[in-house]
N, C-alpha and C. Protein backbone atom coordinates (compact mmCIF):
# COMPACT_ATOMS: atom_id res chain seq x y z
N UNK A 1 0.85 -1.17 0.00
CA UNK A 1 0.00 0.00 0.00
C UNK A 1 0.89 1.23 0.00
N UNK A 2 0.59 2.17 -0.85
CA UNK A 2 1.37 3.41 -0.92
C UNK A 2 0.57 4.56 -0.35
N UNK A 3 1.25 5.42 0.36
CA UNK A 3 0.60 6.57 0.99
C UNK A 3 0.62 7.74 0.02
N UNK A 4 -0.47 8.52 0.00
CA UNK A 4 -0.49 9.69 -0.90
C UNK A 4 0.55 10.73 -0.48
N UNK A 5 1.09 11.43 -1.45
CA UNK A 5 1.99 12.54 -1.16
C UNK A 5 1.17 13.71 -0.64
N UNK A 6 1.84 14.61 0.07
CA UNK A 6 1.16 15.80 0.57
C UNK A 6 1.69 17.02 -0.15
N UNK A 7 0.79 17.90 -0.58
CA UNK A 7 1.15 19.11 -1.30
C UNK A 7 0.38 20.29 -0.73
N UNK A 8 0.96 21.46 -0.81
CA UNK A 8 0.21 22.68 -0.58
C UNK A 8 -0.56 22.98 -1.86
N UNK A 9 -1.72 23.59 -1.72
CA UNK A 9 -2.55 23.86 -2.89
C UNK A 9 -1.78 24.62 -3.96
N UNK A 10 -1.04 25.63 -3.54
CA UNK A 10 -0.34 26.47 -4.53
C UNK A 10 0.81 25.74 -5.22
N UNK A 11 1.20 24.58 -4.72
CA UNK A 11 2.29 23.81 -5.33
C UNK A 11 1.81 22.76 -6.32
N UNK A 12 0.50 22.64 -6.50
CA UNK A 12 -0.03 21.62 -7.41
C UNK A 12 -0.21 22.23 -8.79
N UNK A 13 0.55 21.74 -9.79
CA UNK A 13 0.38 22.26 -11.15
C UNK A 13 -0.89 21.70 -11.79
N UNK A 14 -1.47 22.45 -12.70
CA UNK A 14 -2.65 21.99 -13.43
C UNK A 14 -2.30 20.70 -14.16
N UNK A 15 -3.16 19.72 -14.02
CA UNK A 15 -2.97 18.44 -14.70
C UNK A 15 -2.19 17.41 -13.91
N UNK A 16 -1.69 17.77 -12.74
CA UNK A 16 -0.92 16.81 -11.95
C UNK A 16 -1.81 15.64 -11.54
N UNK A 17 -1.25 14.45 -11.56
CA UNK A 17 -1.98 13.25 -11.16
C UNK A 17 -1.17 12.53 -10.09
N UNK A 18 -1.87 11.84 -9.23
CA UNK A 18 -1.25 11.03 -8.19
C UNK A 18 -1.93 9.67 -8.17
N UNK A 19 -1.19 8.65 -7.87
CA UNK A 19 -1.72 7.31 -7.72
C UNK A 19 -1.35 6.81 -6.34
N UNK A 20 -2.34 6.27 -5.63
CA UNK A 20 -2.06 5.68 -4.33
C UNK A 20 -3.04 4.54 -4.10
N UNK A 21 -2.72 3.70 -3.15
CA UNK A 21 -3.57 2.57 -2.80
C UNK A 21 -4.03 2.72 -1.36
N UNK A 22 -5.25 2.27 -1.10
CA UNK A 22 -5.78 2.30 0.24
C UNK A 22 -6.56 1.00 0.46
N UNK A 23 -6.19 0.25 1.46
CA UNK A 23 -6.88 -0.98 1.79
C UNK A 23 -8.02 -0.63 2.75
N UNK A 24 -9.25 -0.79 2.29
CA UNK A 24 -10.42 -0.53 3.12
C UNK A 24 -10.72 -1.81 3.91
N UNK A 25 -10.68 -1.70 5.23
CA UNK A 25 -10.90 -2.87 6.08
C UNK A 25 -12.34 -2.90 6.60
N UNK A 26 -12.75 -4.06 7.05
CA UNK A 26 -14.08 -4.19 7.65
C UNK A 26 -14.20 -3.28 8.87
N UNK A 27 -13.13 -3.16 9.62
CA UNK A 27 -13.12 -2.28 10.78
C UNK A 27 -13.38 -0.83 10.38
N UNK A 28 -12.75 -0.37 9.30
CA UNK A 28 -12.97 1.00 8.82
C UNK A 28 -14.44 1.21 8.44
N UNK A 29 -15.03 0.23 7.78
CA UNK A 29 -16.43 0.32 7.38
C UNK A 29 -17.33 0.39 8.61
N UNK A 30 -17.05 -0.47 9.60
CA UNK A 30 -17.86 -0.49 10.81
C UNK A 30 -17.74 0.82 11.59
N UNK A 31 -16.55 1.34 11.71
CA UNK A 31 -16.34 2.60 12.42
C UNK A 31 -17.06 3.74 11.69
N UNK A 32 -16.93 3.78 10.36
CA UNK A 32 -17.58 4.84 9.61
C UNK A 32 -19.10 4.75 9.75
N UNK A 33 -19.64 3.54 9.71
CA UNK A 33 -21.08 3.37 9.87
C UNK A 33 -21.53 3.88 11.24
N UNK A 34 -20.75 3.58 12.26
CA UNK A 34 -21.10 4.02 13.61
C UNK A 34 -21.07 5.54 13.72
N UNK A 35 -20.05 6.16 13.15
CA UNK A 35 -19.90 7.62 13.23
C UNK A 35 -20.96 8.33 12.39
N UNK A 36 -21.24 7.80 11.20
CA UNK A 36 -22.14 8.48 10.26
C UNK A 36 -23.60 8.08 10.42
N UNK A 37 -23.83 6.91 11.03
CA UNK A 37 -25.19 6.39 11.12
C UNK A 37 -25.65 5.72 9.83
N UNK A 38 -24.74 5.55 8.86
CA UNK A 38 -25.07 4.94 7.57
C UNK A 38 -24.85 3.43 7.64
N UNK A 39 -25.91 2.73 7.98
CA UNK A 39 -25.86 1.27 8.07
C UNK A 39 -26.56 0.62 6.87
N UNK A 40 -26.45 1.25 5.71
CA UNK A 40 -27.06 0.71 4.51
C UNK A 40 -26.63 -0.75 4.34
N UNK A 41 -27.60 -1.60 4.04
CA UNK A 41 -27.35 -3.04 3.91
C UNK A 41 -26.26 -3.35 2.89
N UNK A 42 -26.15 -2.56 1.86
CA UNK A 42 -25.12 -2.77 0.83
C UNK A 42 -23.71 -2.62 1.41
N UNK A 43 -23.58 -1.81 2.46
CA UNK A 43 -22.28 -1.62 3.10
C UNK A 43 -22.01 -2.66 4.19
N UNK A 44 -23.08 -3.20 4.78
CA UNK A 44 -22.92 -3.94 6.03
C UNK A 44 -23.22 -5.44 5.96
N UNK A 45 -23.87 -5.91 4.90
CA UNK A 45 -24.33 -7.29 4.86
C UNK A 45 -23.83 -8.00 3.61
N UNK A 46 -22.87 -8.89 3.82
CA UNK A 46 -22.25 -9.61 2.69
C UNK A 46 -23.28 -10.43 1.92
N UNK A 47 -24.15 -11.13 2.63
CA UNK A 47 -25.14 -11.99 1.96
C UNK A 47 -26.06 -11.16 1.07
N UNK A 48 -26.55 -10.04 1.57
CA UNK A 48 -27.40 -9.18 0.75
C UNK A 48 -26.62 -8.62 -0.43
N UNK A 49 -25.42 -8.12 -0.17
CA UNK A 49 -24.62 -7.48 -1.22
C UNK A 49 -24.33 -8.43 -2.38
N UNK A 50 -24.19 -9.73 -2.08
CA UNK A 50 -23.93 -10.71 -3.14
C UNK A 50 -25.11 -10.85 -4.09
N UNK A 51 -26.29 -10.43 -3.68
CA UNK A 51 -27.48 -10.55 -4.54
C UNK A 51 -27.67 -9.31 -5.42
N UNK A 52 -26.83 -8.30 -5.25
CA UNK A 52 -26.97 -7.07 -6.02
C UNK A 52 -26.09 -7.10 -7.27
N UNK A 53 -26.22 -6.08 -8.09
CA UNK A 53 -25.41 -6.00 -9.31
C UNK A 53 -23.92 -5.86 -9.01
N UNK A 54 -23.57 -5.46 -7.78
CA UNK A 54 -22.16 -5.30 -7.41
C UNK A 54 -21.52 -6.63 -7.05
N UNK A 55 -22.32 -7.57 -6.53
CA UNK A 55 -21.82 -8.91 -6.22
C UNK A 55 -21.04 -9.00 -4.92
N UNK A 56 -20.80 -7.87 -4.28
CA UNK A 56 -20.09 -7.87 -3.00
C UNK A 56 -20.38 -6.55 -2.29
N UNK A 57 -19.96 -6.47 -1.03
CA UNK A 57 -20.22 -5.24 -0.28
C UNK A 57 -19.49 -4.06 -0.93
N UNK A 58 -20.09 -2.90 -0.78
CA UNK A 58 -19.54 -1.66 -1.32
C UNK A 58 -19.23 -0.74 -0.14
N UNK A 59 -18.02 -0.20 -0.11
CA UNK A 59 -17.68 0.68 1.01
C UNK A 59 -18.32 2.05 0.84
N UNK A 60 -18.44 2.75 1.94
CA UNK A 60 -18.95 4.12 1.92
C UNK A 60 -17.98 4.96 1.08
N UNK A 61 -18.47 5.75 0.16
CA UNK A 61 -17.59 6.51 -0.74
C UNK A 61 -16.73 7.49 0.04
N UNK A 62 -17.16 7.93 1.20
CA UNK A 62 -16.40 8.87 2.01
C UNK A 62 -15.03 8.32 2.42
N UNK A 63 -14.93 7.00 2.51
CA UNK A 63 -13.66 6.39 2.93
C UNK A 63 -12.55 6.59 1.92
N UNK A 64 -12.90 6.89 0.68
CA UNK A 64 -11.88 7.14 -0.34
C UNK A 64 -11.19 8.48 -0.15
N UNK A 65 -11.81 9.38 0.60
CA UNK A 65 -11.29 10.73 0.73
C UNK A 65 -10.67 11.01 2.09
N UNK A 66 -10.42 9.96 2.85
CA UNK A 66 -9.81 10.10 4.17
C UNK A 66 -8.62 9.14 4.24
N UNK A 67 -7.63 9.49 5.03
CA UNK A 67 -6.53 8.53 5.24
C UNK A 67 -6.29 8.32 6.70
């Protein structure tokens, strides 16, 4: 897993791209659900999620924007 680089806003040139990886754990999903109150079945129930078009649980999109 690679950690994102940190930049000041004024140091980011137009068009700059960054690539990083983040492993979303079940613990992260559970903590986020507790804090946000978002216990949507798609996030929390593997059996239900397998019956959807996604085929597996989907994490809260907010987790992509936090480290």
